[in-house]
Amino acid sequence: MGKPDSFLELKNVSQVYTVGERQFTAIEDFSLTLKEGEFCALLGPSGCGKSTLLRIITGLQAPTGGKVLYRSRPLTGVNPHAAMVFQTFALFPWLTVQENVELALEARGLPARVRNDRALEILDRVGLDGFETAYPRELSGGMRQKVGFARAIAVEPELLCLDEPFSSLDILSAETLRRELLELWTGGRLPTRAILMVTHSIEEAVFMADRIVVMDKDPGRLMTDFKVGLAHPRDRKDRGFEAVVDNVYSLLAGQTEPDHVELGAEPAAPGPTRRLPNVHISDLSGLLEHLESARDHQDDIYALAEDLKMNSDHLLNLIQAAELLGFATVWKGDIRLTPLGETFAATGIIGRKEIFAVRLKRLSFFKWLASILRASEKSRQRWDVIEAALGLEFHPAEARQQLERIVEWGRYAELLSYDDKSRVIYLEPATESPP
């Protein structure tokens, strides 16, 4: 794989988006150095800017601040030495497998004979020999993504960027493709000097990468950067593997701070706003029920992910919601139900609604929404008005998601109602008076 050498450097990179008169910081002061021979994973929660960083690195997007250096030279425009594999297959359905691969070579100006020979050689290398004349519709999801890999490596990129390339596949196809990619990489059969992979799966990052860069969000920034230190091939049941995964879970889950439910300002108020985790009540209830049945009402977060067959991003969101509502606490990679969480998990439907309502009323986000509704005629307000108000605090997509979540939670607690036809949110009578 060549002598280790820094060929990619990000220095204090920032990305700020302007929507109307508001600015939203997606990435802030992010620095990274990538060397030859490295398989590096960018790991972090959804919305932390991982995919945005890949677009900046490949030159598909220019950062609003900082520098990107490739081989010590500033990157301007598209990086001709990098190739990208996306989440979706991104194949042209009217072209055969071979034609899809040759298309990338044609864009590089290679003559027809060279394109033909190289495409066939690459397809054979990734195990698609015999499918050259097949159309994408004839292939399974895993095989279609193999074509995506073949098209990317056909141009012999020095840097191969992977944007959650296994997320759209079923479990078995994803596992097969991960192992095949690692076989090509560790066997020196890829024309690539380094791989940079975006993922939100902790286990996937530890299984594949030799170095993991962990990001935090709001805004996206570097949390930590470490080497995995495990030889390939890796065994998920190995104690060393489990220890690394557990450590990353501990890092991302953090630990519950005193009065955590009170942390965070209301939207539009001074100080950072406490966002609502993007989880459904049914999923949260399932997590609490699982913990209620566990020994001492607690579990190791990594073991929990294994038991529930849940990706790390979703599980961490559920844990954050459980913490926020006072149903659980986190300490050194373990999650434990609070007495209130135990009561919630053990009680019936009506009892759960009552407990949830009491906790929801304490959240600064709900207090903000309730105050707006109380100040409105008949304690009602149009959805788009409240969404616009949130748009002063959040990016439009985030504002919509946050409003969807608080309305769902409020309806479950019977504190809010929503009329979809008129798109009006209103307080239930018992909530119209301030507590």
Foldseek 3Di string as FASTA:
>chain_A
DDDKDFFKWWAQFWAWDDDPNDIATAEGGAIDTDIFPFAEEEAEFPSQCPVVVVCCQQQVDPTPDTFIGGRNHTDHHGDLQEFEQEQALPFDQVQFLLVRLLVLVVVVVDDPVLSNVLSQVLCVLLPNNVRRRPGPVVDDRLVSSSSSVSSRQSSLHQEYEYENNLVVDDPVSSVVNLVSVQCCSVVVVGSYGYYYYYDHFLLSRLQRGQKYFYWYPPHTYTDDIGGLPDDPNDDCPDPSSVVSSLQVLCSRLPWQDPPNLQDAAEPPDPDHHDFQQLDAPVVLLVVLLVLLPDVQSKDQLVVVCVVVVHGPNHSSSSQVNCSNLQQWIDDSRMIHGDPLSNCLNPDDLLVVLQSLLVSLLSHNHVVVLQVVQLVDVQSKDAPVVQLVSCVNPDPSVSSVSRSVVNQNSCVSSQQWDADPVRRMIGGDPVSSDPD
